C-alpha atoms as a PDB file:
ATOM      1  CA  UNK A   1     125.317  58.698  40.250  1.00  0.00           C
ATOM      2  CA  UNK A   2     124.307  57.460  43.687  1.00  0.00           C
ATOM      3  CA  UNK A   3     124.391  53.794  44.538  1.00  0.00           C
ATOM      4  CA  UNK A   4     121.348  51.835  45.590  1.00  0.00           C
ATOM      5  CA  UNK A   5     120.628  51.074  49.269  1.00  0.00           C
ATOM      6  CA  UNK A   6     121.166  47.683  50.851  1.00  0.00           C
ATOM      7  CA  UNK A   7     124.023  45.197  50.701  1.00  0.00           C
ATOM      8  CA  UNK A   8     124.705  45.935  47.047  1.00  0.00           C
ATOM      9  CA  UNK A   9     126.123  49.368  46.314  1.00  0.00           C
ATOM     10  CA  UNK A  10     126.735  50.229  42.674  1.00  0.00           C
ATOM     11  CA  UNK A  11     127.789  53.488  41.032  1.00  0.00           C
ATOM     12  CA  UNK A  12     127.315  54.773  37.487  1.00  0.00           C
ATOM     13  CA  UNK A  13     129.754  57.489  36.466  1.00  0.00           C
ATOM     14  CA  UNK A  14     130.893  59.169  33.262  1.00  0.00           C
ATOM     15  CA  UNK A  15     134.541  59.229  32.217  1.00  0.00           C
ATOM     16  CA  UNK A  16     136.063  62.537  31.147  1.00  0.00           C
ATOM     17  CA  UNK A  17     139.281  61.314  29.522  1.00  0.00           C
ATOM     18  CA  UNK A  18     140.094  62.118  25.902  1.00  0.00           C
ATOM     19  CA  UNK A  19     140.619  59.757  22.981  1.00  0.00           C
ATOM     20  CA  UNK A  20     142.386  61.071  19.881  1.00  0.00           C
ATOM     21  CA  UNK A  21     141.935  57.942  17.775  1.00  0.00           C
ATOM     22  CA  UNK A  22     138.746  56.966  15.933  1.00  0.00           C
ATOM     23  CA  UNK A  23     138.540  53.652  17.741  1.00  0.00           C
ATOM     24  CA  UNK A  24     137.724  54.479  21.345  1.00  0.00           C
ATOM     25  CA  UNK A  25     138.471  50.921  22.443  1.00  0.00           C
ATOM     26  CA  UNK A  26     142.121  51.474  21.566  1.00  0.00           C
ATOM     27  CA  UNK A  27     142.538  54.181  24.184  1.00  0.00           C
ATOM     28  CA  UNK A  28     140.229  52.947  26.937  1.00  0.00           C
ATOM     29  CA  UNK A  29     142.959  53.421  29.546  1.00  0.00           C
ATOM     30  CA  UNK A  30     143.205  57.118  28.685  1.00  0.00           C
ATOM     31  CA  UNK A  31     139.452  57.652  28.444  1.00  0.00           C
ATOM     32  CA  UNK A  32     138.679  55.964  31.757  1.00  0.00           C
ATOM     33  CA  UNK A  33     141.527  57.591  33.674  1.00  0.00           C
ATOM     34  CA  UNK A  34     139.457  60.602  34.765  1.00  0.00           C
ATOM     35  CA  UNK A  35     135.811  61.090  35.703  1.00  0.00           C
ATOM     36  CA  UNK A  36     133.395  63.984  35.953  1.00  0.00           C
ATOM     37  CA  UNK A  37     132.789  65.265  39.480  1.00  0.00           C
ATOM     38  CA  UNK A  38     129.633  66.820  40.892  1.00  0.00           C
ATOM     39  CA  UNK A  39     130.827  70.310  39.963  1.00  0.00           C
ATOM     40  CA  UNK A  40     131.176  69.310  36.288  1.00  0.00           C
ATOM     41  CA  UNK A  41     127.464  68.648  35.771  1.00  0.00           C
ATOM     42  CA  UNK A  42     125.555  69.084  33.640  1.00  0.00           C
ATOM     43  CA  UNK A  43     128.076  67.616  31.200  1.00  0.00           C
ATOM     44  CA  UNK A  44     127.674  69.004  27.670  1.00  0.00           C
ATOM     45  CA  UNK A  45     128.052  66.993  24.468  1.00  0.00           C
ATOM     46  CA  UNK A  46     127.421  67.618  20.766  1.00  0.00           C
ATOM     47  CA  UNK A  47     125.359  65.274  18.608  1.00  0.00           C
ATOM     48  CA  UNK A  48     127.012  61.822  18.291  1.00  0.00           C
ATOM     49  CA  UNK A  49     129.901  62.747  20.567  1.00  0.00           C
ATOM     50  CA  UNK A  50     130.924  59.698  22.635  1.00  0.00           C
ATOM     51  CA  UNK A  51     129.638  59.432  26.193  1.00  0.00           C
ATOM     52  CA  UNK A  52     131.884  57.075  28.173  1.00  0.00           C
ATOM     53  CA  UNK A  53     129.945  55.202  30.852  1.00  0.00           C
ATOM     54  CA  UNK A  54     131.269  53.087  33.706  1.00  0.00           C
ATOM     55  CA  UNK A  55     129.273  51.052  36.234  1.00  0.00           C
ATOM     56  CA  UNK A  56     131.082  49.565  39.221  1.00  0.00           C
ATOM     57  CA  UNK A  57     130.475  47.716  42.476  1.00  0.00           C
ATOM     58  CA  UNK A  58     131.406  49.671  45.593  1.00  0.00           C
ATOM     59  CA  UNK A  59     132.802  48.429  48.890  1.00  0.00           C
ATOM     60  CA  UNK A  60     133.179  44.786  47.897  1.00  0.00           C
ATOM     61  CA  UNK A  61     136.493  42.929  47.879  1.00  0.00           C
ATOM     62  CA  UNK A  62     135.382  39.467  46.795  1.00  0.00           C
ATOM     63  CA  UNK A  63     137.283  38.839  43.529  1.00  0.00           C
ATOM     64  CA  UNK A  64     134.740  36.210  42.486  1.00  0.00           C
ATOM     65  CA  UNK A  65     131.834  38.643  42.234  1.00  0.00           C
ATOM     66  CA  UNK A  66     130.733  39.541  38.713  1.00  0.00           C
ATOM     67  CA  UNK A  67     128.772  42.684  37.886  1.00  0.00           C
ATOM     68  CA  UNK A  68     126.054  42.184  35.267  1.00  0.00           C
ATOM     69  CA  UNK A  69     124.177  44.884  33.384  1.00  0.00           C
ATOM     70  CA  UNK A  70     120.666  43.634  32.762  1.00  0.00           C
ATOM     71  CA  UNK A  71     119.231  46.677  31.005  1.00  0.00           C
ATOM     72  CA  UNK A  72     120.540  50.184  30.357  1.00  0.00           C
ATOM     73  CA  UNK A  73     118.365  52.952  28.953  1.00  0.00           C
ATOM     74  CA  UNK A  74     118.104  56.712  28.575  1.00  0.00           C
ATOM     75  CA  UNK A  75     115.395  59.154  29.618  1.00  0.00           C
ATOM     76  CA  UNK A  76     114.932  62.907  29.389  1.00  0.00           C
ATOM     77  CA  UNK A  77     114.433  63.317  33.155  1.00  0.00           C
ATOM     78  CA  UNK A  78     116.206  62.059  36.255  1.00  0.00           C
ATOM     79  CA  UNK A  79     113.539  59.427  36.934  1.00  0.00           C
ATOM     80  CA  UNK A  80     114.392  56.006  35.472  1.00  0.00           C
ATOM     81  CA  UNK A  81     110.641  55.343  35.124  1.00  0.00           C
ATOM     82  CA  UNK A  82     109.864  58.455  33.071  1.00  0.00           C
ATOM     83  CA  UNK A  83     108.910  58.523  29.392  1.00  0.00           C
ATOM     84  CA  UNK A  84     110.166  58.636  26.718  1.00  0.00           C
ATOM     85  CA  UNK A  85     112.800  55.940  27.126  1.00  0.00           C
ATOM     86  CA  UNK A  86     115.414  54.577  24.760  1.00  0.00           C
ATOM     87  CA  UNK A  87     117.182  51.246  25.306  1.00  0.00           C
ATOM     88  CA  UNK A  88     120.978  51.224  25.180  1.00  0.00           C
ATOM     89  CA  UNK A  89     121.732  47.695  26.416  1.00  0.00           C
ATOM     90  CA  UNK A  90     119.331  44.755  26.604  1.00  0.00           C
ATOM     91  CA  UNK A  91     120.486  41.768  28.661  1.00  0.00           C
ATOM     92  CA  UNK A  92     123.938  43.309  28.690  1.00  0.00           C
ATOM     93  CA  UNK A  93     124.184  43.595  24.887  1.00  0.00           C
ATOM     94  CA  UNK A  94     123.795  46.589  22.541  1.00  0.00           C
ATOM     95  CA  UNK A  95     120.186  47.288  21.583  1.00  0.00           C
ATOM     96  CA  UNK A  96     119.994  45.898  18.054  1.00  0.00           C
ATOM     97  CA  UNK A  97     117.317  48.332  16.785  1.00  0.00           C
ATOM     98  CA  UNK A  98     119.596  51.324  17.357  1.00  0.00           C
ATOM     99  CA  UNK A  99     121.310  52.551  14.170  1.00  0.00           C
ATOM    100  CA  UNK A 100     124.249  53.842  16.224  1.00  0.00           C
ATOM    101  CA  UNK A 101     124.584  50.962  18.645  1.00  0.00           C
ATOM    102  CA  UNK A 102     126.097  51.264  22.068  1.00  0.00           C
ATOM    103  CA  UNK A 103     129.649  49.883  22.170  1.00  0.00           C
ATOM    104  CA  UNK A 104     130.838  47.599  24.950  1.00  0.00           C
ATOM    105  CA  UNK A 105     134.336  48.217  26.314  1.00  0.00           C
ATOM    106  CA  UNK A 106     136.083  45.074  27.621  1.00  0.00           C
ATOM    107  CA  UNK A 107     137.333  45.238  31.199  1.00  0.00           C
ATOM    108  CA  UNK A 108     139.901  42.550  31.991  1.00  0.00           C
ATOM    109  CA  UNK A 109     143.162  42.021  33.835  1.00  0.00           C
ATOM    110  CA  UNK A 110     144.985  44.366  31.453  1.00  0.00           C
ATOM    111  CA  UNK A 111     142.889  47.283  32.723  1.00  0.00           C
ATOM    112  CA  UNK A 112     144.983  47.545  35.869  1.00  0.00           C
ATOM    113  CA  UNK A 113     141.891  47.427  38.090  1.00  0.00           C
ATOM    114  CA  UNK A 114     142.080  45.443  41.312  1.00  0.00           C
ATOM    115  CA  UNK A 115     138.764  43.678  40.620  1.00  0.00           C
ATOM    116  CA  UNK A 116     138.006  43.897  36.875  1.00  0.00           C
ATOM    117  CA  UNK A 117     134.866  41.762  37.220  1.00  0.00           C
ATOM    118  CA  UNK A 118     133.363  44.494  39.418  1.00  0.00           C
ATOM    119  CA  UNK A 119     133.248  46.884  36.438  1.00  0.00           C
ATOM    120  CA  UNK A 120     131.291  47.337  33.203  1.00  0.00           C
ATOM    121  CA  UNK A 121     132.016  49.994  30.587  1.00  0.00           C
ATOM    122  CA  UNK A 122     130.235  51.093  27.433  1.00  0.00           C
ATOM    123  CA  UNK A 123     130.096  53.998  25.001  1.00  0.00           C
ATOM    124  CA  UNK A 124     126.961  55.838  23.883  1.00  0.00           C
ATOM    125  CA  UNK A 125     126.816  58.322  21.020  1.00  0.00           C
ATOM    126  CA  UNK A 126     125.055  61.483  22.188  1.00  0.00           C
ATOM    127  CA  UNK A 127     121.498  61.864  20.907  1.00  0.00           C
ATOM    128  CA  UNK A 128     118.266  63.678  21.696  1.00  0.00           C
ATOM    129  CA  UNK A 129     114.536  62.946  21.778  1.00  0.00           C
ATOM    130  CA  UNK A 130     112.431  64.483  18.999  1.00  0.00           C
ATOM    131  CA  UNK A 131     108.766  65.139  18.265  1.00  0.00           C
ATOM    132  CA  UNK A 132     107.210  62.346  16.129  1.00  0.00           C
ATOM    133  CA  UNK A 133     105.452  64.798  13.811  1.00  0.00           C
ATOM    134  CA  UNK A 134     107.895  67.672  13.331  1.00  0.00           C
ATOM    135  CA  UNK A 135     111.123  65.809  14.233  1.00  0.00           C
ATOM    136  CA  UNK A 136     112.106  68.880  16.243  1.00  0.00           C
ATOM    137  CA  UNK A 137     114.171  67.978  19.329  1.00  0.00           C
ATOM    138  CA  UNK A 138     112.000  68.345  22.418  1.00  0.00           C
ATOM    139  CA  UNK A 139     114.443  67.294  25.100  1.00  0.00           C
ATOM    140  CA  UNK A 140     118.059  68.414  25.196  1.00  0.00           C
ATOM    141  CA  UNK A 141     118.918  66.599  28.426  1.00  0.00           C
ATOM    142  CA  UNK A 142     119.630  62.882  28.710  1.00  0.00           C
ATOM    143  CA  UNK A 143     119.995  60.699  31.799  1.00  0.00           C
ATOM    144  CA  UNK A 144     121.456  57.183  31.593  1.00  0.00           C
ATOM    145  CA  UNK A 145     120.154  54.395  33.834  1.00  0.00           C
ATOM    146  CA  UNK A 146     121.170  50.762  34.323  1.00  0.00           C
ATOM    147  CA  UNK A 147     119.578  47.879  36.184  1.00  0.00           C
ATOM    148  CA  UNK A 148     122.402  45.794  37.602  1.00  0.00           C
ATOM    149  CA  UNK A 149     122.906  42.490  39.368  1.00  0.00           C
ATOM    150  CA  UNK A 150     125.795  40.888  41.204  1.00  0.00           C
ATOM    151  CA  UNK A 151     126.463  37.318  40.190  1.00  0.00           C
ATOM    152  CA  UNK A 152     128.271  34.607  42.151  1.00  0.00           C
ATOM    153  CA  UNK A 153     129.710  32.055  39.699  1.00  0.00           C
ATOM    154  CA  UNK A 154     128.589  28.506  40.358  1.00  0.00           C
ATOM    155  CA  UNK A 155     128.000  25.209  38.617  1.00  0.00           C
ATOM    156  CA  UNK A 156     124.597  26.447  37.447  1.00  0.00           C
ATOM    157  CA  UNK A 157     125.451  30.072  36.727  1.00  0.00           C
ATOM    158  CA  UNK A 158     128.693  31.062  35.037  1.00  0.00           C
ATOM    159  CA  UNK A 159     127.781  34.757  35.088  1.00  0.00           C
ATOM    160  CA  UNK A 160     128.435  35.149  31.368  1.00  0.00           C
ATOM    161  CA  UNK A 161     126.715  37.513  28.969  1.00  0.00           C
ATOM    162  CA  UNK A 162     127.653  36.985  25.340  1.00  0.00           C
ATOM    163  CA  UNK A 163     126.657  39.132  22.389  1.00  0.00           C
ATOM    164  CA  UNK A 164     127.068  37.416  19.013  1.00  0.00           C
ATOM    165  CA  UNK A 165     125.926  37.943  15.424  1.00  0.00           C
ATOM    166  CA  UNK A 166     123.314  40.543  16.182  1.00  0.00           C
ATOM    167  CA  UNK A 167     121.759  38.465  18.939  1.00  0.00           C
ATOM    168  CA  UNK A 168     120.967  40.498  22.010  1.00  0.00           C
ATOM    169  CA  UNK A 169     122.150  37.839  24.403  1.00  0.00           C
ATOM    170  CA  UNK A 170     123.507  34.312  24.474  1.00  0.00           C
ATOM    171  CA  UNK A 171     124.318  32.828  27.838  1.00  0.00           C
ATOM    172  CA  UNK A 172     125.954  29.449  28.344  1.00  0.00           C
ATOM    173  CA  UNK A 173     124.215  28.957  31.684  1.00  0.00           C
ATOM    174  CA  UNK A 174     120.443  29.066  32.193  1.00  0.00           C
ATOM    175  CA  UNK A 175     118.921  32.277  33.482  1.00  0.00           C
ATOM    176  CA  UNK A 176     119.032  32.349  37.269  1.00  0.00           C
ATOM    177  CA  UNK A 177     116.639  34.470  39.312  1.00  0.00           C
ATOM    178  CA  UNK A 178     118.503  36.564  41.857  1.00  0.00           C
ATOM    179  CA  UNK A 179     117.259  38.044  45.100  1.00  0.00           C
ATOM    180  CA  UNK A 180     116.410  41.769  45.335  1.00  0.00           C
ATOM    181  CA  UNK A 181     119.454  42.292  47.563  1.00  0.00           C
ATOM    182  CA  UNK A 182     121.657  41.447  44.590  1.00  0.00           C
ATOM    183  CA  UNK A 183     120.056  44.002  42.273  1.00  0.00           C
ATOM    184  CA  UNK A 184     120.243  47.778  41.974  1.00  0.00           C
ATOM    185  CA  UNK A 185     119.286  50.567  39.576  1.00  0.00           C
ATOM    186  CA  UNK A 186     121.822  53.351  39.109  1.00  0.00           C
ATOM    187  CA  UNK A 187     121.568  56.613  37.191  1.00  0.00           C
ATOM    188  CA  UNK A 188     123.818  59.296  35.767  1.00  0.00           C
ATOM    189  CA  UNK A 189     123.578  63.005  36.319  1.00  0.00           C
ATOM    190  CA  UNK A 190     122.415  65.152  33.364  1.00  0.00           C
ATOM    191  CA  UNK A 191     124.132  65.177  29.988  1.00  0.00           C
ATOM    192  CA  UNK A 192     123.042  68.102  27.819  1.00  0.00           C
ATOM    193  CA  UNK A 193     123.101  68.279  24.024  1.00  0.00           C
ATOM    194  CA  UNK A 194     124.746  71.484  22.807  1.00  0.00           C
ATOM    195  CA  UNK A 195     125.358  73.045  19.400  1.00  0.00           C
ATOM    196  CA  UNK A 196     129.041  73.920  19.524  1.00  0.00           C
ATOM    197  CA  UNK A 197     129.629  72.618  15.984  1.00  0.00           C
ATOM    198  CA  UNK A 198     127.468  74.963  13.895  1.00  0.00           C
ATOM    199  CA  UNK A 199     127.447  75.434  10.131  1.00  0.00           C
ATOM    200  CA  UNK A 200     126.798  78.856   8.594  1.00  0.00           C
ATOM    201  CA  UNK A 201     123.147  77.886   8.165  1.00  0.00           C
ATOM    202  CA  UNK A 202     122.953  76.811  11.788  1.00  0.00           C
ATOM    203  CA  UNK A 203     124.425  80.125  12.905  1.00  0.00           C
ATOM    204  CA  UNK A 204     121.764  82.044  10.974  1.00  0.00           C
ATOM    205  CA  UNK A 205     119.061  79.939  12.544  1.00  0.00           C
ATOM    206  CA  UNK A 206     120.525  80.571  15.963  1.00  0.00           C
ATOM    207  CA  UNK A 207     120.460  84.342  15.486  1.00  0.00           C
ATOM    208  CA  UNK A 208     116.995  84.582  13.915  1.00  0.00           C
ATOM    209  CA  UNK A 209     114.915  82.050  15.853  1.00  0.00           C
ATOM    210  CA  UNK A 210     113.522  82.644  19.374  1.00  0.00           C
ATOM    211  CA  UNK A 211     115.598  80.946  22.055  1.00  0.00           C
ATOM    212  CA  UNK A 212     112.817  78.496  22.959  1.00  0.00           C
ATOM    213  CA  UNK A 213     112.985  77.006  19.446  1.00  0.00           C
ATOM    214  CA  UNK A 214     116.656  77.407  18.565  1.00  0.00           C
ATOM    215  CA  UNK A 215     118.023  74.076  19.666  1.00  0.00           C
ATOM    216  CA  UNK A 216     115.173  72.157  18.129  1.00  0.00           C
ATOM    217  CA  UNK A 217     115.652  73.738  14.697  1.00  0.00           C
ATOM    218  CA  UNK A 218     119.405  73.366  14.960  1.00  0.00           C
ATOM    219  CA  UNK A 219     118.957  69.656  15.507  1.00  0.00           C
ATOM    220  CA  UNK A 220     116.788  69.403  12.392  1.00  0.00           C
ATOM    221  CA  UNK A 221     119.306  71.383  10.340  1.00  0.00           C
ATOM    222  CA  UNK A 222     122.115  69.138  11.534  1.00  0.00           C
ATOM    223  CA  UNK A 223     120.166  66.015  10.573  1.00  0.00           C
ATOM    224  CA  UNK A 224     119.370  67.425   7.106  1.00  0.00           C
ATOM    225  CA  UNK A 225     123.001  68.347   6.520  1.00  0.00           C
ATOM    226  CA  UNK A 226     124.179  64.882   7.483  1.00  0.00           C
ATOM    227  CA  UNK A 227     121.643  63.312   5.149  1.00  0.00           C
ATOM    228  CA  UNK A 228     122.857  65.360   2.192  1.00  0.00           C
ATOM    229  CA  UNK A 229     126.491  64.530   2.890  1.00  0.00           C
ATOM    230  CA  UNK A 230     126.087  60.843   3.548  1.00  0.00           C
ATOM    231  CA  UNK A 231     123.127  60.233   1.218  1.00  0.00           C
ATOM    232  CA  UNK A 232     121.515  58.191   3.956  1.00  0.00           C
ATOM    233  CA  UNK A 233     118.181  58.656   5.654  1.00  0.00           C
ATOM    234  CA  UNK A 234     118.348  59.631   9.286  1.00  0.00           C
ATOM    235  CA  UNK A 235     116.898  56.785  11.292  1.00  0.00           C
ATOM    236  CA  UNK A 236     114.344  57.789  13.893  1.00  0.00           C
ATOM    237  CA  UNK A 237     112.863  54.856  15.796  1.00  0.00           C
ATOM    238  CA  UNK A 238     109.768  55.217  17.963  1.00  0.00           C
ATOM    239  CA  UNK A 239     110.537  54.304  21.610  1.00  0.00           C
ATOM    240  CA  UNK A 240     107.240  55.630  22.987  1.00  0.00           C
ATOM    241  CA  UNK A 241     103.827  56.754  21.691  1.00  0.00           C
ATOM    242  CA  UNK A 242     104.755  60.415  22.171  1.00  0.00           C
ATOM    243  CA  UNK A 243     108.360  61.029  21.206  1.00  0.00           C
ATOM    244  CA  UNK A 244     111.150  59.656  19.061  1.00  0.00           C
ATOM    245  CA  UNK A 245     114.847  59.248  19.446  1.00  0.00           C
ATOM    246  CA  UNK A 246     116.798  60.764  16.559  1.00  0.00           C
ATOM    247  CA  UNK A 247     120.485  59.936  16.004  1.00  0.00           C
END
């Protein structure tokens, strides 16, 4: 959650507000009205529960600045360079190979923010990393990272990122290389997958299986149950040679 050094200071934080409607975009004001503090971590989520992410520029008052998200991804450790990794946003747009794609939340003048262009918001559905052979969850903890850039609108760079028709990115202006001082990588604190929503079968597994294996088997049971209800195959896409992401 700490900003990068240098002239550009950016923060990634998780919102703790509640949304009662199915469409989270309809209650963005409520969701992004409160945020988790240091004492609230690790934040716990159940499988596919929304994780509300906000990235913002700190200590800048220029209304013309535009925050861009170049790439956002998840890892199982605090290091943004660690493996496995799973892409959430690519060139500012939802990663198209993700069955449960990240959702972008518009931030405009109606948000009530003093500098709306200094903010980016998106929603991730909680997931975990699984073993490629057994499909047993190996990592219960997820960290979210974003590489960011500050853009100054000009005749050659309109600072626009557009996501249309499944395309990852369409920009009106040509890509402009920016100096390192205008870039930063920010990370979240840990988000932990929990099993608060257990079926009777899950509860039996929890009581009979050693603690080191419980969460992994619970994740498999949850995936199997969802498959039988929805009659759809659970999509597990390989983000690294060693582990998979299962959602």
